Amino acid sequence: LFLATLTYDTLRFEYEDFPETKEPVWILGRKYSVFTEKEEILLDVTSRLWFTYRKNFPAIGGTGPTSDTGWGCMLRCGQMIFAQALVCRHLGRDWRWIKGKRQMDNYFNVLNAFIDKKDSYYSIHQIAQMGVGEGKSIGQWYGPNTVAQVLKKLATFDTWSSLAVHIAMDNTVVMEEIRRLCQSNVPCAGAAACPAPESDVLYNGCPEDVGLRERLALWKPLVLLIPLRLGLTEINEAYIETLKHCFMMPQSLGVIGGKPNSAHYFIGYVGEELIYLDPHTTQPAVEPGDSGCLADESFHCQHPPCRMSIAELDPSIAVGFFCNTEADFNDWCQQIKKLSLVRGALPMFELVERQPSHFSNPDVLNLTPDSSDADRLERFFDSEDEDFEILSL
């Protein structure tokens, strides 16, 4: 009976505060000191959008589940990493949520994109139903790669954010592919090959302004997701330094992964511990108000975040980065190249200018060499989800 009445509030006291340590705390590219900036650390964590299991939402697909408890944790982590990209895109990395303070409209626009109803861009409904095309039945557990593939597809409908989403398969980030994707709005020489943009399109969610439009049209903001396997059944220690560095980059969106069949959204680290937001709390679904505003407190984690040893991380993860401009992307490339020179840090993925020849061989996957459609490619490489589930047996 006690378990049945255990609520979110009674769990609150189990969360430990940050250790008193000289080690810096890194949260999504920001460096803090526990001794002098504890309030700032907690404010930064609380400001991240926190998506958990929910109950009593409209049935998925009209007749499906009305709660995602027990199966939706990786979907919620996918929502969190993507929400962080939208926050950076529309509000900026420095934006903070303050309880009781009136938030700007763009904040509610971002939050509404994730609300548990069928017509939100990135709702659990959309993710679960789009996952059927990836071979996942509704209510089935996802791995990090599957949720990344689904979010990429859903982002094409989000014209307000106008994001370029790239999923780097085969542990390889190809710079040329990303530039082609992010510069897809650029007017090109052969006008017939490049249809003129529709005059009433809001470029990057901004109102019509020709000078602004030309500048923004040169680079779509990039969400880069890199599914990785950092070992067989446990993380290879040689990757730990590189993984830590990912949280130090200003472009960091964090990491989705966790323990077998238990997903978390990792937003930083301190010492040898990862800092994460945990979706494993069931809250009632929130109904949006008529004005577009909604009761938003349950979307912000207001206790110190959870921590776990890096060594406990399941080796199947996806790392995320957001590059708002081409300069951000070039800077990110430089940091990745520098990282390959750090002693004792094994690169988690390869950064190359062009598609390696073995990768674009049309005979291997029955793909045209210049195909940017990763669908069949991803099925070819996507063994990690199954492995992720088998590990818990």
Protein backbone atom coordinates (compact mmCIF):
# COMPACT_ATOMS: atom_id res chain seq x y z
CA LEU A 1 0.00 0.00 0.00
CA PHE A 2 2.86 2.34 0.82
CA LEU A 3 4.28 1.89 -2.69
CA ALA A 4 0.97 2.78 -4.23
CA THR A 5 0.96 6.15 -2.49
CA LEU A 6 4.63 6.96 -3.15
CA THR A 7 4.53 10.18 -5.13
CA TYR A 8 6.98 12.48 -6.82
CA ASP A 9 7.02 14.68 -3.67
CA THR A 10 8.07 11.89 -1.32
CA LEU A 11 10.90 10.91 -3.66
CA ARG A 12 12.26 14.42 -3.64
CA PHE A 13 14.31 13.92 -0.46
CA GLU A 14 16.34 11.06 -1.90
CA TYR A 15 18.23 13.32 -4.31
CA GLU A 16 21.71 14.14 -3.12
CA ASP A 17 23.12 17.59 -3.46
CA PHE A 18 26.32 18.11 -5.46
CA PRO A 19 29.49 16.82 -3.79
CA GLU A 20 31.76 19.47 -2.28
CA THR A 21 34.53 19.13 -4.80
CA LYS A 22 37.13 21.29 -6.49
CA GLU A 23 36.32 19.52 -9.76
CA PRO A 24 34.39 21.78 -12.13
CA VAL A 25 30.77 20.95 -12.92
CA TRP A 26 30.07 20.98 -16.66
CA ILE A 27 26.48 21.42 -17.86
CA LEU A 28 25.93 21.52 -21.64
CA GLY A 29 29.04 23.51 -22.45
CA ARG A 30 29.01 25.70 -19.30
CA LYS A 31 31.60 25.38 -16.53
CA TYR A 32 30.63 25.95 -12.89
CA SER A 33 32.21 25.78 -9.45
CA VAL A 34 30.23 23.96 -6.75
CA PHE A 35 31.64 26.32 -4.10
CA THR A 36 30.68 29.64 -5.67
CA GLU A 37 27.96 28.84 -8.23
CA LYS A 38 25.66 26.23 -6.73
CA GLU A 39 22.55 28.38 -7.31
CA GLU A 40 23.56 28.95 -10.93
CA ILE A 41 24.10 25.20 -11.46
CA LEU A 42 20.66 24.36 -10.09
CA LEU A 43 19.01 27.16 -12.09
CA ASP A 44 20.67 25.90 -15.28
CA VAL A 45 19.47 22.32 -14.59
CA THR A 46 15.95 23.43 -13.65
CA SER A 47 15.71 25.48 -16.85
CA ARG A 48 16.12 22.40 -19.06
CA LEU A 49 12.82 20.97 -20.26
CA TRP A 50 12.18 17.77 -18.33
CA PHE A 51 9.93 15.18 -19.91
CA THR A 52 8.79 12.21 -17.86
CA TYR A 53 6.31 9.40 -18.14
CA ARG A 54 2.74 10.76 -18.21
CA LYS A 55 -0.66 9.19 -17.69
CA ASN A 56 -4.20 10.02 -18.87
CA PHE A 57 -3.21 11.59 -22.17
CA PRO A 58 -5.40 11.08 -25.29
CA ALA A 59 -5.01 7.50 -26.58
CA ILE A 60 -2.14 7.15 -29.08
CA GLY A 61 -3.62 6.49 -32.51
CA GLY A 62 -7.12 6.85 -31.03
CA THR A 63 -7.20 3.40 -29.46
CA GLY A 64 -3.66 2.88 -28.13
CA PRO A 65 -2.05 3.51 -24.73
CA THR A 66 -2.99 6.55 -22.61
CA SER A 67 0.24 6.34 -20.59
CA ASP A 68 3.86 5.64 -21.53
CA THR A 69 4.92 4.35 -18.09
CA GLY A 70 7.32 1.42 -18.51
CA TRP A 71 8.05 1.89 -22.22
CA GLY A 72 8.46 5.59 -23.07
CA CYS A 73 11.69 6.49 -21.28
CA MET A 74 13.90 6.66 -24.39
CA LEU A 75 11.17 8.56 -26.25
CA ARG A 76 11.11 11.09 -23.38
CA CYS A 77 14.92 11.37 -23.50
CA GLY A 78 14.68 11.99 -27.24
CA GLN A 79 12.18 14.75 -26.50
CA MET A 80 14.55 16.27 -23.92
CA ILE A 81 17.60 16.39 -26.19
CA PHE A 82 15.49 17.80 -29.02
CA ALA A 83 13.80 20.34 -26.72
CA GLN A 84 17.26 21.55 -25.75
CA ALA A 85 17.98 22.15 -29.46
CA LEU A 86 14.73 24.14 -29.77
CA VAL A 87 15.53 26.15 -26.63
CA CYS A 88 18.96 27.05 -28.10
CA ARG A 89 17.30 27.84 -31.43
CA HIS A 90 14.46 30.05 -30.19
CA LEU A 91 15.49 31.24 -26.69
CA GLY A 92 19.29 30.89 -26.58
CA ARG A 93 21.57 28.86 -24.30
CA ASP A 94 21.54 31.65 -21.68
CA TRP A 95 17.76 31.59 -21.24
CA ARG A 96 16.59 30.60 -17.74
CA TRP A 97 13.24 29.44 -16.39
CA ILE A 98 12.26 31.13 -13.14
CA LYS A 99 9.32 29.70 -11.24
CA GLY A 100 6.31 31.99 -11.31
CA LYS A 101 7.88 34.42 -13.79
CA ARG A 102 5.88 35.17 -16.95
CA GLN A 103 7.68 33.51 -19.86
CA MET A 104 7.90 34.79 -23.42
CA ASP A 105 5.70 33.35 -26.16
CA ASN A 106 8.56 31.47 -27.81
CA TYR A 107 9.01 29.46 -24.62
CA PHE A 108 5.39 28.27 -24.78
CA ASN A 109 5.76 27.60 -28.51
CA VAL A 110 8.70 25.29 -27.73
CA LEU A 111 6.87 23.57 -24.88
CA ASN A 112 3.70 23.12 -26.94
CA ALA A 113 5.72 21.26 -29.58
CA PHE A 114 6.14 18.41 -27.04
CA ILE A 115 2.74 18.32 -25.31
CA ASP A 116 1.08 14.88 -25.16
CA LYS A 117 -1.42 15.25 -27.98
CA LYS A 118 -1.46 14.04 -31.54
CA ASP A 119 -0.90 17.36 -33.31
CA SER A 120 2.21 18.52 -31.40
CA TYR A 121 5.31 18.26 -33.61
CA TYR A 122 7.30 16.07 -31.22
CA SER A 123 4.62 14.56 -28.96
CA ILE A 124 4.84 11.02 -27.64
CA HIS A 125 1.95 10.34 -30.06
CA GLN A 126 3.94 11.48 -33.08
CA ILE A 127 7.12 9.68 -32.00
CA ALA A 128 5.32 6.39 -31.28
CA GLN A 129 3.38 6.46 -34.55
CA MET A 130 6.37 7.51 -36.67
CA GLY A 131 8.32 4.68 -35.00
CA VAL A 132 5.99 2.14 -36.62
CA GLY A 133 7.74 2.98 -39.90
CA GLU A 134 11.04 2.13 -38.19
CA GLY A 135 9.74 -1.32 -37.29
CA LYS A 136 8.76 -0.46 -33.70
CA SER A 137 5.21 -1.22 -32.59
CA ILE A 138 3.52 1.32 -30.30
CA GLY A 139 4.58 0.62 -26.72
CA GLN A 140 7.81 -1.10 -27.76
CA TRP A 141 11.10 0.05 -26.26
CA TYR A 142 13.42 2.19 -28.44
CA GLY A 143 17.20 2.46 -28.57
CA PRO A 144 18.94 5.82 -29.02
CA ASN A 145 19.37 5.40 -32.78
CA THR A 146 15.68 4.71 -33.44
CA VAL A 147 14.51 7.75 -31.49
CA ALA A 148 17.06 9.90 -33.35
CA GLN A 149 15.80 8.65 -36.74
CA VAL A 150 12.18 9.33 -35.77
CA LEU A 151 12.92 12.86 -34.50
CA LYS A 152 14.73 13.64 -37.74
CA LYS A 153 11.61 12.73 -39.70
CA LEU A 154 9.31 14.72 -37.41
CA ALA A 155 11.54 17.81 -37.66
CA THR A 156 10.73 18.14 -41.37
CA PHE A 157 7.19 19.18 -40.39
CA ASP A 158 8.43 21.83 -37.94
CA THR A 159 8.70 24.76 -40.36
CA TRP A 160 8.80 27.20 -37.44
CA SER A 161 12.17 25.85 -36.27
CA SER A 162 13.45 25.11 -39.80
CA LEU A 163 16.18 22.78 -38.53
CA ALA A 164 18.62 20.69 -40.52
CA VAL A 165 18.80 17.37 -38.66
CA HIS A 166 21.71 15.09 -39.49
CA ILE A 167 22.27 11.63 -38.02
CA ALA A 168 25.85 10.51 -38.49
CA MET A 169 25.82 6.77 -39.09
CA ASP A 170 28.71 4.32 -38.99
CA ASN A 171 30.61 6.42 -36.41
CA THR A 172 31.48 8.91 -39.17
CA VAL A 173 30.61 12.61 -39.43
CA VAL A 174 30.96 13.76 -43.05
CA MET A 175 31.41 17.56 -43.17
CA GLU A 176 30.46 17.83 -46.84
CA GLU A 177 27.08 16.13 -46.21
CA ILE A 178 26.30 18.49 -43.34
CA ARG A 179 27.20 21.60 -45.33
CA ARG A 180 25.02 20.40 -48.19
CA LEU A 181 22.12 19.81 -45.81
CA CYS A 182 22.46 23.13 -43.96
CA GLN A 183 22.95 25.19 -47.09
CA SER A 184 19.93 23.68 -48.81
CA ASN A 185 18.16 27.07 -48.84
CA VAL A 186 20.94 28.81 -50.77
CA PRO A 187 19.90 30.07 -54.21
CA CYS A 188 22.04 28.23 -56.78
CA ALA A 189 23.21 28.81 -60.33
CA GLY A 190 20.79 26.57 -62.23
CA ALA A 191 17.47 28.12 -61.18
CA ALA A 192 15.51 25.22 -62.59
CA ALA A 193 17.42 22.72 -60.43
CA CYS A 194 16.76 24.82 -57.36
CA PRO A 195 13.09 25.87 -57.09
CA ALA A 196 12.58 29.40 -55.80
CA PRO A 197 11.53 29.51 -52.16
CA GLU A 198 7.84 30.23 -51.65
CA SER A 199 7.37 33.92 -50.97
CA ASP A 200 5.18 33.40 -47.93
CA VAL A 201 7.51 30.97 -46.15
CA LEU A 202 8.70 32.26 -42.78
CA TYR A 203 12.43 31.61 -42.94
CA ASN A 204 13.65 30.13 -39.67
CA GLY A 205 10.44 31.25 -38.00
CA CYS A 206 11.28 34.92 -38.60
CA PRO A 207 8.91 37.41 -40.20
CA GLU A 208 9.47 38.52 -43.81
CA ASP A 209 12.54 40.73 -44.04
CA VAL A 210 14.59 40.41 -47.20
CA GLY A 211 18.01 41.25 -45.74
CA LEU A 212 17.42 39.03 -42.73
CA ARG A 213 16.00 36.32 -44.93
CA GLU A 214 19.04 36.25 -47.19
CA ARG A 215 21.39 35.98 -44.21
CA LEU A 216 19.37 33.28 -42.48
CA ALA A 217 18.78 31.34 -45.68
CA LEU A 218 22.51 30.66 -45.97
CA TRP A 219 22.60 28.18 -43.09
CA LYS A 220 19.84 26.21 -41.46
CA PRO A 221 20.53 25.62 -37.76
CA LEU A 222 22.00 22.13 -37.39
CA VAL A 223 20.99 19.41 -34.95
CA LEU A 224 23.69 16.74 -35.18
CA LEU A 225 22.95 13.39 -33.54
CA ILE A 226 25.63 10.69 -33.48
CA PRO A 227 24.51 7.19 -32.43
CA LEU A 228 27.51 5.30 -31.01
CA ARG A 229 28.43 2.03 -29.42
CA LEU A 230 31.31 2.58 -26.99
CA GLY A 231 32.04 -1.03 -26.10
CA LEU A 232 30.29 -4.41 -26.13
CA THR A 233 28.49 -4.80 -22.82
CA GLU A 234 30.10 -1.97 -20.87
CA ILE A 235 31.70 1.32 -21.83
CA ASN A 236 35.34 1.05 -22.89
CA GLU A 237 37.33 3.23 -20.45
CA ALA A 238 39.34 4.67 -23.34
CA TYR A 239 36.26 6.66 -24.45
CA ILE A 240 35.54 8.29 -21.10
CA GLU A 241 37.76 11.38 -21.57
CA THR A 242 36.30 12.01 -25.03
CA LEU A 243 32.76 11.65 -23.71
CA LYS A 244 33.50 14.21 -20.97
CA HIS A 245 34.82 16.64 -23.59
CA CYS A 246 31.50 16.46 -25.44
CA PHE A 247 29.81 18.11 -22.43
CA MET A 248 32.46 20.86 -22.43
CA MET A 249 31.69 22.07 -25.95
CA PRO A 250 29.41 25.11 -26.24
CA GLN A 251 27.49 23.25 -28.96
CA SER A 252 26.64 20.37 -26.60
CA LEU A 253 23.06 19.08 -26.47
CA GLY A 254 24.08 16.28 -24.12
CA VAL A 255 23.72 12.53 -24.53
CA ILE A 256 20.82 10.08 -24.53
CA GLY A 257 21.46 6.56 -23.27
CA GLY A 258 21.44 5.00 -19.85
CA LYS A 259 21.51 1.54 -18.36
CA PRO A 260 20.01 -1.44 -20.20
CA ASN A 261 16.32 -0.71 -20.82
CA SER A 262 16.43 2.39 -18.61
CA ALA A 263 17.07 5.60 -20.51
CA HIS A 264 18.39 8.90 -19.13
CA TYR A 265 19.18 12.33 -20.59
CA PHE A 266 22.78 13.19 -19.63
CA ILE A 267 23.43 16.93 -19.46
CA GLY A 268 26.89 17.10 -17.88
CA TYR A 269 29.43 15.62 -15.52
CA VAL A 270 31.41 16.28 -12.35
CA GLY A 271 34.52 14.20 -11.61
CA GLU A 272 33.75 10.62 -12.64
CA GLU A 273 29.97 11.05 -12.44
CA LEU A 274 27.48 11.90 -15.15
CA ILE A 275 24.68 14.36 -14.34
CA TYR A 276 21.30 13.45 -15.81
CA LEU A 277 17.59 14.11 -15.95
CA ASP A 278 15.52 11.00 -15.29
CA PRO A 279 12.20 10.40 -17.09
CA HIS A 280 11.14 7.59 -14.71
CA THR A 281 8.49 9.53 -12.80
CA THR A 282 4.82 9.30 -13.85
CA GLN A 283 2.98 12.61 -13.81
CA PRO A 284 -0.56 13.40 -14.99
CA ALA A 285 -0.76 14.73 -18.55
CA VAL A 286 -1.08 18.53 -18.79
CA GLU A 287 -3.87 20.09 -20.82
CA PRO A 288 -2.79 23.17 -22.78
CA GLY A 289 -4.78 26.32 -21.99
CA ASP A 290 -6.79 28.25 -24.60
CA SER A 291 -4.16 30.99 -24.79
CA GLY A 292 -1.35 28.54 -25.64
CA CYS A 293 0.06 29.01 -22.13
CA LEU A 294 0.03 25.99 -19.85
CA ALA A 295 0.87 24.95 -16.33
CA ASP A 296 4.56 24.35 -16.89
CA GLU A 297 6.05 23.58 -13.46
CA SER A 298 5.97 19.82 -14.01
CA PHE A 299 8.23 20.26 -17.07
CA HIS A 300 11.13 21.51 -14.94
CA CYS A 301 13.07 19.31 -12.52
CA GLN A 302 13.20 21.36 -9.30
CA HIS A 303 15.42 19.11 -7.20
CA PRO A 304 19.17 18.51 -7.61
CA PRO A 305 19.72 16.31 -10.67
CA CYS A 306 20.61 12.61 -10.49
CA ARG A 307 24.18 11.37 -10.86
CA MET A 308 25.75 8.04 -11.75
CA SER A 309 29.25 6.73 -12.35
CA ILE A 310 30.37 7.06 -15.98
CA ALA A 311 31.56 3.44 -15.83
CA GLU A 312 27.92 2.27 -15.39
CA LEU A 313 26.80 3.82 -18.69
CA ASP A 314 25.44 1.36 -21.24
CA PRO A 315 27.70 1.55 -24.32
CA SER A 316 24.78 2.37 -26.69
CA ILE A 317 24.31 6.14 -26.72
CA ALA A 318 23.57 9.05 -29.02
CA VAL A 319 25.54 12.29 -28.60
CA GLY A 320 23.92 15.56 -29.68
CA PHE A 321 25.24 18.95 -30.82
CA PHE A 322 23.54 22.16 -31.99
CA CYS A 323 25.25 24.55 -34.42
CA ASN A 324 23.13 27.65 -34.93
CA THR A 325 25.44 29.13 -37.58
CA GLU A 326 28.07 27.95 -40.01
CA ALA A 327 30.70 29.53 -37.73
CA ASP A 328 29.40 27.35 -34.86
CA PHE A 329 29.81 24.27 -37.05
CA ASN A 330 33.34 25.23 -38.15
CA ASP A 331 34.27 25.84 -34.50
CA TRP A 332 32.83 22.45 -33.54
CA CYS A 333 34.91 20.75 -36.26
CA GLN A 334 38.06 22.44 -34.94
CA GLN A 335 37.32 21.28 -31.39
CA ILE A 336 36.76 17.68 -32.56
CA LYS A 337 40.06 17.76 -34.46
CA LYS A 338 41.87 19.07 -31.36
CA LEU A 339 40.24 16.39 -29.24
CA SER A 340 41.87 13.70 -31.37
CA LEU A 341 45.23 14.98 -30.07
CA VAL A 342 44.35 14.63 -26.36
CA ARG A 343 46.40 11.83 -24.78
CA GLY A 344 44.43 8.94 -23.37
CA ALA A 345 41.25 9.97 -25.21
CA LEU A 346 40.10 7.54 -27.88
CA PRO A 347 37.94 9.26 -30.56
CA MET A 348 34.31 8.12 -30.37
CA PHE A 349 33.70 8.94 -34.03
CA GLU A 350 35.59 10.01 -37.12
CA LEU A 351 35.32 13.47 -38.69
CA VAL A 352 35.97 13.43 -42.45
CA GLU A 353 35.58 15.99 -45.24
CA ARG A 354 33.99 13.60 -47.76
CA GLN A 355 32.05 10.37 -47.78
CA PRO A 356 34.56 7.48 -47.52
CA SER A 357 34.44 5.33 -50.67
CA HIS A 358 33.42 2.15 -48.81
CA PHE A 359 30.46 4.00 -47.35
CA SER A 360 28.91 5.20 -50.60
CA ASN A 361 29.42 2.01 -52.59
CA PRO A 362 25.98 1.57 -54.22
CA ASP A 363 26.33 -2.22 -54.46
CA VAL A 364 26.54 -2.72 -50.71
CA LEU A 365 23.18 -1.25 -49.79
CA ASN A 366 21.43 -0.84 -53.11
CA LEU A 367 21.64 2.94 -52.70
CA THR A 368 22.58 5.57 -55.23
CA PRO A 369 25.99 7.00 -54.29
CA ASP A 370 24.62 10.47 -53.57
CA SER A 371 21.56 9.31 -51.68
CA SER A 372 21.05 11.38 -48.57
CA ASP A 373 18.16 9.20 -47.46
CA ALA A 374 19.48 7.35 -44.43
CA ASP A 375 16.41 5.12 -44.04
CA ARG A 376 17.70 1.92 -45.60
CA LEU A 377 21.22 2.74 -44.48
CA GLU A 378 20.07 3.03 -40.89
CA ARG A 379 18.35 -0.37 -40.97
CA PHE A 380 21.60 -1.83 -42.22
CA PHE A 381 23.57 -0.42 -39.30
CA ASP A 382 20.88 -0.41 -36.64
CA SER A 383 21.68 -3.49 -34.64
CA GLU A 384 22.20 -1.48 -31.47
CA ASP A 385 18.56 -1.30 -30.42
CA GLU A 386 18.25 -5.06 -30.27
CA ASP A 387 21.53 -5.36 -28.39
CA PHE A 388 20.35 -2.69 -25.99
CA GLU A 389 17.33 -4.77 -25.07
CA ILE A 390 19.07 -8.17 -24.95
CA LEU A 391 21.56 -6.91 -22.34
CA SER A 392 18.89 -6.86 -19.65
CA LEU A 393 18.15 -10.61 -19.92
